[in-house]
Amino acid sequence: MTDSTLPEALHAWHRLVSNPDRDTLRSLLSEDIVFRSPAMYKPKHGREAVEMFLWAALSVLAPSIQYHHEWIDRDDNSAVLLFTADVAGREVNGVDIVRWGPDNRLTEFTVMIRPLQGLQTVIGAIGEQLEADR
C-alpha cells in the first residue's frame, strides 16, 4: 500500500513516528481517546493521560520501530499496524490497533507486544521514560 492510499489519520501517525513531536501527538489525539496497553490493567481515558503514555512509548520505540503490515478497515475508521522494534537489545513484535474519528483524530489506541521478555523490557523502559518526563 503506498502512502497516498493511507487514510489521513495513519499518514499523521507515521509522520509522528518518523519525527516525534509532543505538540503533534497532542493534536492527533481526540479529547476522549481511550488507550489500552498490556502494561496496564485498566485503560487510560482522555487526551492528557493518553498523551503522557504515548509520548513515553514513542520516546522508547520510535528510534527503532518498523511497521511491516497494515490492515485497514475504511468503513470502521480503524487499522491494525504490525511492527517490530529493538528495546535495550531485545527485539519485540507488536501491533497497534487504532481507530479514528471523522476529524482524523485518534479515538482508540490499543497496543499488544510479545514476547513476554520483550514486553517486560518495554514496560521497564517506558517506566523510566515516564519518570524522566516528570
C-alpha atoms as a PDB file:
ATOM      1  CA  MET A   1       0.000   0.000   0.000  1.00  0.00           C
ATOM      2  CA  THR A   2       1.501   3.325  -0.981  1.00  0.00           C
ATOM      3  CA  ASP A   3       1.413   6.331   1.293  1.00  0.00           C
ATOM      4  CA  SER A   4      -1.076   8.068  -0.992  1.00  0.00           C
ATOM      5  CA  THR A   5      -3.669   5.367  -0.275  1.00  0.00           C
ATOM      6  CA  LEU A   6      -3.447   5.638   3.508  1.00  0.00           C
ATOM      7  CA  PRO A   7      -6.197   7.390   5.449  1.00  0.00           C
ATOM      8  CA  GLU A   8      -5.047  10.785   6.771  1.00  0.00           C
ATOM      9  CA  ALA A   9      -5.054   9.574  10.393  1.00  0.00           C
ATOM     10  CA  LEU A  10      -2.488   6.888   9.514  1.00  0.00           C
ATOM     11  CA  HIS A  11      -0.431   9.363   7.463  1.00  0.00           C
ATOM     12  CA  ALA A  12      -0.328  11.603  10.527  1.00  0.00           C
ATOM     13  CA  TRP A  13       0.654   8.709  12.820  1.00  0.00           C
ATOM     14  CA  HIS A  14       3.506   7.616  10.537  1.00  0.00           C
ATOM     15  CA  ARG A  15       4.778  11.201  10.238  1.00  0.00           C
ATOM     16  CA  LEU A  16       4.730  11.460  14.023  1.00  0.00           C
ATOM     17  CA  VAL A  17       6.644   8.201  14.495  1.00  0.00           C
ATOM     18  CA  SER A  18       9.244   9.347  11.938  1.00  0.00           C
ATOM     19  CA  ASN A  19       9.605  12.735  13.594  1.00  0.00           C
ATOM     20  CA  PRO A  20       8.297  12.625  17.199  1.00  0.00           C
ATOM     21  CA  ASP A  21       6.909  15.921  18.430  1.00  0.00           C
ATOM     22  CA  ARG A  22       4.769  16.243  21.543  1.00  0.00           C
ATOM     23  CA  ASP A  23       2.558  19.045  20.180  1.00  0.00           C
ATOM     24  CA  THR A  24       1.876  16.979  17.063  1.00  0.00           C
ATOM     25  CA  LEU A  25       0.999  13.981  19.215  1.00  0.00           C
ATOM     26  CA  ARG A  26      -1.406  16.086  21.289  1.00  0.00           C
ATOM     27  CA  SER A  27      -3.114  17.422  18.169  1.00  0.00           C
ATOM     28  CA  LEU A  28      -3.577  13.880  16.830  1.00  0.00           C
ATOM     29  CA  LEU A  29      -5.460  12.656  19.919  1.00  0.00           C
ATOM     30  CA  SER A  30      -9.188  13.175  20.382  1.00  0.00           C
ATOM     31  CA  GLU A  31     -10.317  14.722  23.643  1.00  0.00           C
ATOM     32  CA  ASP A  32     -11.897  11.433  24.789  1.00  0.00           C
ATOM     33  CA  ILE A  33      -9.340   8.926  23.449  1.00  0.00           C
ATOM     34  CA  VAL A  34      -9.083   5.521  25.128  1.00  0.00           C
ATOM     35  CA  PHE A  35      -5.655   3.834  25.426  1.00  0.00           C
ATOM     36  CA  ARG A  36      -5.144   0.166  26.224  1.00  0.00           C
ATOM     37  CA  SER A  37      -1.749  -1.329  26.974  1.00  0.00           C
ATOM     38  CA  PRO A  38      -0.567  -4.771  28.071  1.00  0.00           C
ATOM     39  CA  ALA A  39       1.248  -2.964  30.893  1.00  0.00           C
ATOM     40  CA  MET A  40      -1.961  -1.634  32.478  1.00  0.00           C
ATOM     41  CA  TYR A  41      -4.968  -3.487  33.830  1.00  0.00           C
ATOM     42  CA  LYS A  42      -7.386  -0.634  33.128  1.00  0.00           C
ATOM     43  CA  PRO A  43      -7.450   1.583  30.050  1.00  0.00           C
ATOM     44  CA  LYS A  44      -6.454   5.241  30.235  1.00  0.00           C
ATOM     45  CA  HIS A  45      -9.059   7.804  29.206  1.00  0.00           C
ATOM     46  CA  GLY A  46      -8.639  11.332  27.906  1.00  0.00           C
ATOM     47  CA  ARG A  47      -6.064  13.243  25.915  1.00  0.00           C
ATOM     48  CA  GLU A  48      -3.866  14.302  28.830  1.00  0.00           C
ATOM     49  CA  ALA A  49      -3.401  10.821  30.320  1.00  0.00           C
ATOM     50  CA  VAL A  50      -3.003   9.094  26.962  1.00  0.00           C
ATOM     51  CA  GLU A  51      -0.555  11.694  25.680  1.00  0.00           C
ATOM     52  CA  MET A  52       1.742  11.051  28.640  1.00  0.00           C
ATOM     53  CA  PHE A  53       1.885   7.292  27.969  1.00  0.00           C
ATOM     54  CA  LEU A  54       2.088   7.516  24.178  1.00  0.00           C
ATOM     55  CA  TRP A  55       4.854  10.139  24.395  1.00  0.00           C
ATOM     56  CA  ALA A  56       6.887   7.833  26.649  1.00  0.00           C
ATOM     57  CA  ALA A  57       6.228   4.903  24.304  1.00  0.00           C
ATOM     58  CA  LEU A  58       7.296   6.961  21.286  1.00  0.00           C
ATOM     59  CA  SER A  59      10.466   8.009  23.087  1.00  0.00           C
ATOM     60  CA  VAL A  60      11.331   4.356  23.687  1.00  0.00           C
ATOM     61  CA  LEU A  61      10.102   2.746  20.452  1.00  0.00           C
ATOM     62  CA  ALA A  62      10.312   5.360  17.690  1.00  0.00           C
ATOM     63  CA  PRO A  63      14.095   5.202  17.207  1.00  0.00           C
ATOM     64  CA  SER A  64      13.889   1.587  16.013  1.00  0.00           C
ATOM     65  CA  ILE A  65      10.253   0.892  15.182  1.00  0.00           C
ATOM     66  CA  GLN A  66       9.446  -0.519  11.767  1.00  0.00           C
ATOM     67  CA  TYR A  67       5.917  -1.092  10.550  1.00  0.00           C
ATOM     68  CA  HIS A  68       5.667  -4.157   8.320  1.00  0.00           C
ATOM     69  CA  HIS A  69       1.970  -4.650   7.549  1.00  0.00           C
ATOM     70  CA  GLU A  70      -1.227  -2.657   7.871  1.00  0.00           C
ATOM     71  CA  TRP A  71      -4.780  -3.887   7.739  1.00  0.00           C
ATOM     72  CA  ILE A  72      -7.219  -1.037   7.245  1.00  0.00           C
ATOM     73  CA  ASP A  73     -11.000  -1.030   7.632  1.00  0.00           C
ATOM     74  CA  ARG A  74     -12.140   2.199   5.991  1.00  0.00           C
ATOM     75  CA  ASP A  75     -15.787   1.561   6.882  1.00  0.00           C
ATOM     76  CA  ASP A  76     -14.888   1.364  10.575  1.00  0.00           C
ATOM     77  CA  ASN A  77     -12.108   4.021  10.505  1.00  0.00           C
ATOM     78  CA  SER A  78      -9.719   1.542  12.074  1.00  0.00           C
ATOM     79  CA  ALA A  79      -6.468  -0.247  11.373  1.00  0.00           C
ATOM     80  CA  VAL A  80      -4.085  -2.834  12.745  1.00  0.00           C
ATOM     81  CA  LEU A  81      -0.396  -1.980  12.322  1.00  0.00           C
ATOM     82  CA  LEU A  82       2.174  -4.769  12.733  1.00  0.00           C
ATOM     83  CA  PHE A  83       5.584  -3.604  13.980  1.00  0.00           C
ATOM     84  CA  THR A  84       8.967  -4.653  15.289  1.00  0.00           C
ATOM     85  CA  ALA A  85      11.311  -2.605  17.445  1.00  0.00           C
ATOM     86  CA  ASP A  86      14.530  -3.043  19.367  1.00  0.00           C
ATOM     87  CA  VAL A  87      14.452  -2.043  23.028  1.00  0.00           C
ATOM     88  CA  ALA A  88      17.591  -2.490  25.104  1.00  0.00           C
ATOM     89  CA  GLY A  89      18.859  -5.164  22.736  1.00  0.00           C
ATOM     90  CA  ARG A  90      15.608  -7.140  22.660  1.00  0.00           C
ATOM     91  CA  GLU A  91      13.510  -7.388  19.526  1.00  0.00           C
ATOM     92  CA  VAL A  92       9.829  -7.001  20.224  1.00  0.00           C
ATOM     93  CA  ASN A  93       6.908  -7.703  17.924  1.00  0.00           C
ATOM     94  CA  GLY A  94       3.650  -5.919  18.329  1.00  0.00           C
ATOM     95  CA  VAL A  95       0.513  -4.468  16.910  1.00  0.00           C
ATOM     96  CA  ASP A  96      -1.084  -1.082  17.270  1.00  0.00           C
ATOM     97  CA  ILE A  97      -4.852  -1.216  16.867  1.00  0.00           C
ATOM     98  CA  VAL A  98      -6.114   2.266  16.140  1.00  0.00           C
ATOM     99  CA  ARG A  99      -9.462   3.890  15.485  1.00  0.00           C
ATOM    100  CA  TRP A 100     -10.044   7.489  14.419  1.00  0.00           C
ATOM    101  CA  GLY A 101     -12.955   9.843  14.067  1.00  0.00           C
ATOM    102  CA  PRO A 102     -14.213  11.864  11.096  1.00  0.00           C
ATOM    103  CA  ASP A 103     -11.771  14.639  12.077  1.00  0.00           C
ATOM    104  CA  ASN A 104      -8.856  12.143  11.700  1.00  0.00           C
ATOM    105  CA  ARG A 105      -8.007  12.323  15.404  1.00  0.00           C
ATOM    106  CA  LEU A 106      -7.315   9.045  17.171  1.00  0.00           C
ATOM    107  CA  THR A 107     -10.191   7.884  19.373  1.00  0.00           C
ATOM    108  CA  GLU A 108      -8.837   4.483  20.457  1.00  0.00           C
ATOM    109  CA  PHE A 109      -5.312   3.105  20.641  1.00  0.00           C
ATOM    110  CA  THR A 110      -4.551  -0.443  21.767  1.00  0.00           C
ATOM    111  CA  VAL A 111      -1.048  -1.915  21.928  1.00  0.00           C
ATOM    112  CA  MET A 112      -0.095  -5.578  22.110  1.00  0.00           C
ATOM    113  CA  ILE A 113       3.533  -6.692  22.415  1.00  0.00           C
ATOM    114  CA  ARG A 114       5.318 -10.052  22.510  1.00  0.00           C
ATOM    115  CA  PRO A 115       7.344 -11.971  23.640  1.00  0.00           C
ATOM    116  CA  LEU A 116       6.901 -11.694  27.400  1.00  0.00           C
ATOM    117  CA  GLN A 117      10.564 -10.791  27.999  1.00  0.00           C
ATOM    118  CA  GLY A 118      10.316  -8.104  25.346  1.00  0.00           C
ATOM    119  CA  LEU A 119       7.147  -6.731  26.912  1.00  0.00           C
ATOM    120  CA  GLN A 120       8.854  -6.651  30.307  1.00  0.00           C
ATOM    121  CA  THR A 121      11.783  -4.746  28.781  1.00  0.00           C
ATOM    122  CA  VAL A 122       9.411  -2.259  27.127  1.00  0.00           C
ATOM    123  CA  ILE A 123       7.481  -1.761  30.379  1.00  0.00           C
ATOM    124  CA  GLY A 124      10.716  -1.021  32.229  1.00  0.00           C
ATOM    125  CA  ALA A 125      11.964   1.388  29.571  1.00  0.00           C
ATOM    126  CA  ILE A 126       8.657   3.251  29.368  1.00  0.00           C
ATOM    127  CA  GLY A 127       8.507   3.441  33.167  1.00  0.00           C
ATOM    128  CA  GLU A 128      11.955   5.027  33.198  1.00  0.00           C
ATOM    129  CA  GLN A 129      10.890   7.460  30.465  1.00  0.00           C
ATOM    130  CA  LEU A 130       7.750   8.422  32.390  1.00  0.00           C
ATOM    131  CA  GLU A 131       9.920   9.178  35.446  1.00  0.00           C
ATOM    132  CA  ALA A 132      12.349  11.218  33.331  1.00  0.00           C
ATOM    133  CA  ASP A 133       9.458  13.230  31.828  1.00  0.00           C
ATOM    134  CA  ARG A 134       8.143  14.268  35.271  1.00  0.00           C
END
